[in-house]
Amino acid sequence: MKKIGLMFTFIFVLSFAGLMSGCTTLGAQPQIKADVVMKAEETVRLFHKGNVKTETEFCVGETVPVYRHFGRYLQSREIGKVKIVKILDEHYLEAVVVEGEIRDGDVAKKSSATCLIQLPASNEK
């Protein structure tokens, strides 16, 4: 009887160790990263946070260059242009992509102001 109990304990320990080692061999699961890119004629939002009202900084119909920051020292490169279509409120503007491929987090800059580009959520389109 003692041998049967010892045998069951041995089998349980081996099967438990086998199950645990099977979980660790999977490793990290691959992550899929999808970049949403807005192209010409698509609408984006510009977020302007500043002391001066949006209406005084930007005009409807104005074309503003868009920059993307990259690299270790945050170098920037012009990657496109947006045309301001509508002023939504004191912090938000609506714009249409004129040229280039715009991504979430790009920056629209002019000499006196800077705006962060936010892509619309999929349910807002």
N, C-alpha and C. Protein backbone atom coordinates (compact mmCIF):
# COMPACT_ATOMS: atom_id res chain seq x y z
N MET A 1 0.80 -1.18 0.00
CA MET A 1 0.00 0.00 0.00
C MET A 1 0.86 1.27 0.00
N LYS A 2 1.96 1.21 0.77
CA LYS A 2 2.86 2.33 0.84
C LYS A 2 3.52 2.58 -0.52
N LYS A 3 3.80 1.50 -1.26
CA LYS A 3 4.44 1.63 -2.57
C LYS A 3 3.49 2.28 -3.57
N ILE A 4 2.19 1.98 -3.49
CA ILE A 4 1.21 2.57 -4.41
C ILE A 4 1.10 4.08 -4.15
N GLY A 5 1.06 4.48 -2.90
CA GLY A 5 0.99 5.90 -2.55
C GLY A 5 2.23 6.65 -3.01
N LEU A 6 3.39 6.02 -2.84
CA LEU A 6 4.64 6.61 -3.29
C LEU A 6 4.68 6.73 -4.80
N MET A 7 4.14 5.72 -5.51
CA MET A 7 4.11 5.73 -6.96
C MET A 7 3.18 6.86 -7.46
N PHE A 8 2.00 7.03 -6.84
CA PHE A 8 1.09 8.12 -7.24
C PHE A 8 1.71 9.49 -6.99
N THR A 9 2.41 9.64 -5.89
CA THR A 9 3.09 10.91 -5.60
C THR A 9 4.16 11.20 -6.63
N PHE A 10 4.94 10.18 -6.99
CA PHE A 10 5.98 10.33 -7.99
C PHE A 10 5.39 10.72 -9.36
N ILE A 11 4.29 10.07 -9.75
CA ILE A 11 3.64 10.38 -11.03
C ILE A 11 3.08 11.79 -11.00
N PHE A 12 2.48 12.20 -9.88
CA PHE A 12 1.92 13.54 -9.76
C PHE A 12 3.01 14.60 -9.90
N VAL A 13 4.14 14.41 -9.22
CA VAL A 13 5.25 15.37 -9.28
C VAL A 13 5.80 15.46 -10.69
N LEU A 14 5.97 14.33 -11.36
CA LEU A 14 6.49 14.34 -12.73
C LEU A 14 5.51 15.02 -13.69
N SER A 15 4.24 14.71 -13.57
CA SER A 15 3.27 15.32 -14.49
C SER A 15 3.15 16.82 -14.23
N PHE A 16 3.21 17.24 -12.97
CA PHE A 16 3.15 18.66 -12.64
C PHE A 16 4.37 19.39 -13.20
N ALA A 17 5.55 18.80 -13.06
CA ALA A 17 6.77 19.41 -13.60
C ALA A 17 6.70 19.48 -15.12
N GLY A 18 6.15 18.46 -15.75
CA GLY A 18 6.00 18.48 -17.21
C GLY A 18 5.05 19.55 -17.68
N LEU A 19 3.95 19.74 -16.96
CA LEU A 19 3.00 20.79 -17.31
C LEU A 19 3.61 22.18 -17.16
N MET A 20 4.34 22.40 -16.10
CA MET A 20 4.95 23.70 -15.87
C MET A 20 6.03 24.01 -16.89
N SER A 21 6.80 23.04 -17.27
CA SER A 21 7.85 23.30 -18.26
C SER A 21 7.24 23.54 -19.64
N GLY A 22 6.09 22.96 -19.91
CA GLY A 22 5.42 23.19 -21.18
C GLY A 22 4.95 24.62 -21.32
N CYS A 23 4.56 25.27 -20.23
CA CYS A 23 4.10 26.66 -20.26
C CYS A 23 5.25 27.62 -20.52
N THR A 24 6.42 27.30 -20.02
CA THR A 24 7.53 28.22 -20.17
C THR A 24 8.19 28.14 -21.54
N THR A 25 7.92 27.11 -22.31
CA THR A 25 8.57 27.00 -23.61
C THR A 25 7.88 27.82 -24.69
N LEU A 26 6.70 28.38 -24.40
CA LEU A 26 6.00 29.17 -25.40
C LEU A 26 6.71 30.47 -25.70
N GLY A 27 7.29 31.10 -24.72
CA GLY A 27 8.00 32.35 -24.93
C GLY A 27 7.03 33.51 -25.14
N ALA A 28 7.56 34.61 -25.55
CA ALA A 28 6.73 35.80 -25.77
C ALA A 28 5.95 35.66 -27.07
N GLN A 29 4.70 36.06 -27.01
CA GLN A 29 3.86 36.00 -28.20
C GLN A 29 4.17 37.21 -29.08
N PRO A 30 4.16 37.04 -30.38
CA PRO A 30 4.43 38.18 -31.27
C PRO A 30 3.31 39.21 -31.17
N GLN A 31 3.69 40.47 -31.18
CA GLN A 31 2.73 41.57 -31.11
C GLN A 31 2.59 42.20 -32.49
N ILE A 32 1.38 42.47 -32.86
CA ILE A 32 1.13 43.10 -34.15
C ILE A 32 0.94 44.58 -33.91
N LYS A 33 1.73 45.40 -34.60
CA LYS A 33 1.61 46.84 -34.48
C LYS A 33 1.08 47.37 -35.80
N ALA A 34 -0.03 48.04 -35.72
CA ALA A 34 -0.64 48.59 -36.92
C ALA A 34 -0.58 50.11 -36.86
N ASP A 35 0.05 50.73 -37.84
CA ASP A 35 0.09 52.17 -37.94
C ASP A 35 -1.05 52.63 -38.83
N VAL A 36 -1.86 53.52 -38.31
CA VAL A 36 -2.92 54.10 -39.10
C VAL A 36 -2.35 55.33 -39.79
N VAL A 37 -2.48 55.37 -41.09
CA VAL A 37 -1.92 56.46 -41.88
C VAL A 37 -3.05 57.15 -42.62
N MET A 38 -3.10 58.47 -42.51
CA MET A 38 -4.10 59.25 -43.23
C MET A 38 -3.45 59.82 -44.47
N LYS A 39 -4.11 59.66 -45.60
CA LYS A 39 -3.59 60.15 -46.87
C LYS A 39 -4.44 61.31 -47.36
N ALA A 40 -4.13 61.81 -48.53
CA ALA A 40 -4.79 63.00 -49.09
C ALA A 40 -6.31 62.86 -49.05
N GLU A 41 -6.96 63.97 -48.74
CA GLU A 41 -8.42 64.11 -48.69
C GLU A 41 -9.06 63.46 -47.46
N GLU A 42 -8.28 62.97 -46.50
CA GLU A 42 -8.85 62.41 -45.27
C GLU A 42 -8.77 63.46 -44.16
N THR A 43 -9.69 63.37 -43.22
CA THR A 43 -9.82 64.38 -42.17
C THR A 43 -9.06 63.98 -40.91
N VAL A 44 -8.38 64.96 -40.31
CA VAL A 44 -7.67 64.77 -39.04
C VAL A 44 -8.06 65.91 -38.11
N ARG A 45 -7.74 65.74 -36.83
CA ARG A 45 -7.96 66.81 -35.85
C ARG A 45 -6.62 67.33 -35.38
N LEU A 46 -6.58 68.63 -35.15
CA LEU A 46 -5.38 69.26 -34.60
C LEU A 46 -5.71 69.75 -33.20
N PHE A 47 -4.84 69.42 -32.25
CA PHE A 47 -5.01 69.86 -30.87
C PHE A 47 -4.04 70.99 -30.61
N HIS A 48 -4.56 72.14 -30.23
CA HIS A 48 -3.74 73.32 -29.94
C HIS A 48 -3.94 73.71 -28.49
N LYS A 49 -2.90 73.61 -27.70
CA LYS A 49 -2.96 74.00 -26.30
C LYS A 49 -2.03 75.17 -26.11
N GLY A 50 -2.60 76.32 -25.89
CA GLY A 50 -1.78 77.51 -25.71
C GLY A 50 -2.56 78.59 -25.01
N ASN A 51 -1.89 79.70 -24.75
CA ASN A 51 -2.53 80.82 -24.08
C ASN A 51 -3.40 81.63 -25.04
N VAL A 52 -3.03 81.60 -26.31
CA VAL A 52 -3.75 82.38 -27.32
C VAL A 52 -4.86 81.51 -27.91
N LYS A 53 -6.01 82.10 -28.19
CA LYS A 53 -7.13 81.35 -28.75
C LYS A 53 -6.79 80.80 -30.14
N THR A 54 -7.39 79.69 -30.46
CA THR A 54 -7.14 79.03 -31.74
C THR A 54 -7.51 79.92 -32.91
N GLU A 55 -8.61 80.67 -32.78
CA GLU A 55 -9.06 81.52 -33.89
C GLU A 55 -8.04 82.58 -34.27
N THR A 56 -7.25 83.05 -33.30
CA THR A 56 -6.26 84.07 -33.61
C THR A 56 -4.98 83.49 -34.19
N GLU A 57 -4.70 82.22 -33.92
CA GLU A 57 -3.48 81.58 -34.42
C GLU A 57 -3.66 80.99 -35.82
N PHE A 58 -4.85 80.47 -36.10
CA PHE A 58 -5.07 79.76 -37.36
C PHE A 58 -6.28 80.34 -38.09
N CYS A 59 -6.24 80.28 -39.41
CA CYS A 59 -7.34 80.74 -40.24
C CYS A 59 -7.90 79.56 -41.02
N VAL A 60 -9.22 79.57 -41.22
CA VAL A 60 -9.84 78.54 -42.05
C VAL A 60 -9.33 78.73 -43.48
N GLY A 61 -8.92 77.63 -44.11
CA GLY A 61 -8.36 77.67 -45.46
C GLY A 61 -6.84 77.73 -45.49
N GLU A 62 -6.22 77.93 -44.35
CA GLU A 62 -4.75 78.01 -44.27
C GLU A 62 -4.14 76.62 -44.40
N THR A 63 -3.02 76.52 -45.13
CA THR A 63 -2.29 75.27 -45.27
C THR A 63 -1.08 75.31 -44.35
N VAL A 64 -0.94 74.25 -43.53
CA VAL A 64 0.12 74.20 -42.51
C VAL A 64 0.98 72.95 -42.76
N PRO A 65 2.32 73.09 -42.75
CA PRO A 65 3.18 71.91 -42.91
C PRO A 65 3.14 71.00 -41.68
N VAL A 66 3.31 69.70 -41.92
CA VAL A 66 3.28 68.69 -40.85
C VAL A 66 4.65 68.05 -40.75
N TYR A 67 5.14 67.91 -39.52
CA TYR A 67 6.45 67.34 -39.25
C TYR A 67 6.33 66.08 -38.41
N ARG A 68 7.29 65.18 -38.59
CA ARG A 68 7.38 63.97 -37.77
C ARG A 68 8.72 64.02 -37.05
N HIS A 69 8.69 63.80 -35.74
CA HIS A 69 9.91 63.76 -34.93
C HIS A 69 10.40 62.32 -34.86
N PHE A 70 11.70 62.14 -34.96
CA PHE A 70 12.28 60.80 -34.94
C PHE A 70 13.69 60.86 -34.40
N GLY A 71 14.20 59.69 -34.08
CA GLY A 71 15.59 59.58 -33.68
C GLY A 71 15.84 59.93 -32.23
N ARG A 72 17.06 59.75 -31.86
CA ARG A 72 17.48 59.93 -30.48
C ARG A 72 17.40 61.39 -30.03
N TYR A 73 17.70 62.30 -30.94
CA TYR A 73 17.74 63.72 -30.60
C TYR A 73 16.51 64.47 -31.10
N LEU A 74 15.44 63.73 -31.40
CA LEU A 74 14.17 64.29 -31.86
C LEU A 74 14.33 65.26 -33.03
N GLN A 75 14.98 64.75 -34.04
CA GLN A 75 15.07 65.53 -35.27
C GLN A 75 13.70 65.52 -35.93
N SER A 76 13.40 66.54 -36.70
CA SER A 76 12.09 66.57 -37.36
C SER A 76 12.28 66.72 -38.86
N ARG A 77 11.27 66.20 -39.57
CA ARG A 77 11.31 66.23 -41.04
C ARG A 77 9.88 66.52 -41.51
N GLU A 78 9.76 67.38 -42.50
CA GLU A 78 8.43 67.68 -43.04
C GLU A 78 7.94 66.46 -43.82
N ILE A 79 6.74 66.00 -43.51
CA ILE A 79 6.22 64.80 -44.15
C ILE A 79 4.90 65.03 -44.89
N GLY A 80 4.37 66.25 -44.80
CA GLY A 80 3.12 66.52 -45.50
C GLY A 80 2.55 67.87 -45.14
N LYS A 81 1.31 68.10 -45.59
CA LYS A 81 0.63 69.37 -45.31
C LYS A 81 -0.84 69.10 -45.06
N VAL A 82 -1.44 69.93 -44.19
CA VAL A 82 -2.87 69.86 -43.93
C VAL A 82 -3.49 71.23 -44.17
N LYS A 83 -4.74 71.23 -44.58
CA LYS A 83 -5.48 72.48 -44.80
C LYS A 83 -6.58 72.56 -43.75
N ILE A 84 -6.62 73.66 -43.03
CA ILE A 84 -7.60 73.84 -41.95
C ILE A 84 -8.97 74.08 -42.56
N VAL A 85 -9.93 73.26 -42.13
CA VAL A 85 -11.28 73.31 -42.68
C VAL A 85 -12.24 74.01 -41.72
N LYS A 86 -12.10 73.72 -40.42
CA LYS A 86 -13.07 74.22 -39.45
C LYS A 86 -12.41 74.35 -38.08
N ILE A 87 -12.80 75.37 -37.34
CA ILE A 87 -12.37 75.53 -35.96
C ILE A 87 -13.47 74.94 -35.09
N LEU A 88 -13.15 73.87 -34.35
CA LEU A 88 -14.16 73.16 -33.56
C LEU A 88 -14.44 73.85 -32.23
N ASP A 89 -13.40 74.20 -31.50
CA ASP A 89 -13.54 74.94 -30.24
C ASP A 89 -12.22 75.62 -29.94
N GLU A 90 -12.02 76.04 -28.69
CA GLU A 90 -10.81 76.80 -28.38
C GLU A 90 -9.52 75.99 -28.44
N HIS A 91 -9.62 74.65 -28.48
CA HIS A 91 -8.41 73.83 -28.53
C HIS A 91 -8.33 72.91 -29.75
N TYR A 92 -9.41 72.73 -30.49
CA TYR A 92 -9.42 71.76 -31.58
C TYR A 92 -9.76 72.40 -32.92
N LEU A 93 -9.05 71.91 -33.93
CA LEU A 93 -9.29 72.30 -35.32
C LEU A 93 -9.54 71.04 -36.13
N GLU A 94 -10.25 71.17 -37.21
CA GLU A 94 -10.42 70.06 -38.13
C GLU A 94 -9.70 70.42 -39.42
N ALA A 95 -8.94 69.48 -39.94
CA ALA A 95 -8.15 69.73 -41.14
C ALA A 95 -8.23 68.55 -42.09
N VAL A 96 -7.90 68.81 -43.35
CA VAL A 96 -7.88 67.77 -44.38
C VAL A 96 -6.44 67.63 -44.86
N VAL A 97 -6.01 66.40 -45.04
CA VAL A 97 -4.66 66.13 -45.51
C VAL A 97 -4.57 66.56 -46.98
N VAL A 98 -3.60 67.41 -47.28
CA VAL A 98 -3.40 67.89 -48.64
C VAL A 98 -2.36 67.04 -49.36
N GLU A 99 -1.25 66.75 -48.65
CA GLU A 99 -0.21 65.90 -49.22
C GLU A 99 0.52 65.17 -48.11
N GLY A 100 1.13 64.05 -48.48
CA GLY A 100 1.90 63.25 -47.53
C GLY A 100 1.05 62.21 -46.83
N GLU A 101 1.70 61.48 -45.93
CA GLU A 101 1.05 60.45 -45.13
C GLU A 101 1.19 60.85 -43.67
N ILE A 102 0.08 61.20 -43.05
CA ILE A 102 0.06 61.73 -41.70
C ILE A 102 -0.30 60.62 -40.73
N ARG A 103 0.41 60.56 -39.61
CA ARG A 103 0.15 59.58 -38.55
C ARG A 103 -0.23 60.28 -37.27
N ASP A 104 -0.84 59.53 -36.38
CA ASP A 104 -1.20 60.04 -35.07
C ASP A 104 0.08 60.45 -34.34
N GLY A 105 0.08 61.65 -33.77
CA GLY A 105 1.26 62.11 -33.04
C GLY A 105 2.18 63.01 -33.85
N ASP A 106 1.95 63.15 -35.15
CA ASP A 106 2.72 64.10 -35.94
C ASP A 106 2.37 65.52 -35.48
N VAL A 107 3.16 66.49 -35.89
CA VAL A 107 2.99 67.86 -35.41
C VAL A 107 2.84 68.81 -36.59
N ALA A 108 1.78 69.62 -36.55
CA ALA A 108 1.57 70.67 -37.53
C ALA A 108 2.18 71.95 -36.94
N LYS A 109 3.13 72.57 -37.67
CA LYS A 109 3.83 73.74 -37.15
C LYS A 109 3.73 74.91 -38.11
N LYS A 110 3.57 76.06 -37.52
CA LYS A 110 3.79 77.30 -38.24
C LYS A 110 4.64 78.17 -37.34
N SER A 111 5.04 79.32 -37.79
CA SER A 111 6.01 80.11 -37.03
C SER A 111 5.54 80.46 -35.62
N SER A 112 4.24 80.69 -35.44
CA SER A 112 3.78 81.14 -34.13
C SER A 112 3.08 80.08 -33.29
N ALA A 113 2.76 78.92 -33.87
CA ALA A 113 1.99 77.93 -33.12
C ALA A 113 2.32 76.51 -33.57
N THR A 114 2.01 75.55 -32.69
CA THR A 114 2.21 74.13 -32.97
C THR A 114 0.97 73.37 -32.53
N CYS A 115 0.58 72.38 -33.34
CA CYS A 115 -0.58 71.55 -33.01
C CYS A 115 -0.21 70.08 -33.10
N LEU A 116 -0.75 69.28 -32.21
CA LEU A 116 -0.58 67.84 -32.22
C LEU A 116 -1.69 67.24 -33.08
N ILE A 117 -1.33 66.35 -33.99
CA ILE A 117 -2.32 65.73 -34.86
C ILE A 117 -2.89 64.50 -34.19
N GLN A 118 -4.23 64.41 -34.20
CA GLN A 118 -4.94 63.26 -33.64
C GLN A 118 -5.84 62.71 -34.73
N LEU A 119 -5.71 61.43 -34.98
CA LEU A 119 -6.56 60.79 -35.98
C LEU A 119 -7.92 60.52 -35.37
N PRO A 120 -8.99 60.64 -36.15
CA PRO A 120 -10.31 60.37 -35.60
C PRO A 120 -10.46 58.89 -35.26
N ALA A 121 -11.26 58.58 -34.25
CA ALA A 121 -11.52 57.19 -33.89
C ALA A 121 -12.34 56.55 -35.01
N SER A 122 -12.26 55.22 -35.12
CA SER A 122 -12.91 54.52 -36.23
C SER A 122 -14.43 54.70 -36.19
N ASN A 123 -15.03 54.92 -35.03
CA ASN A 123 -16.48 55.11 -34.97
C ASN A 123 -16.90 56.53 -35.30
N GLU A 124 -15.94 57.46 -35.42
CA GLU A 124 -16.27 58.85 -35.75
C GLU A 124 -16.27 59.10 -37.24
N LYS A 125 -15.71 58.20 -38.03
CA LYS A 125 -15.59 58.44 -39.47
C LYS A 125 -16.92 58.40 -40.16
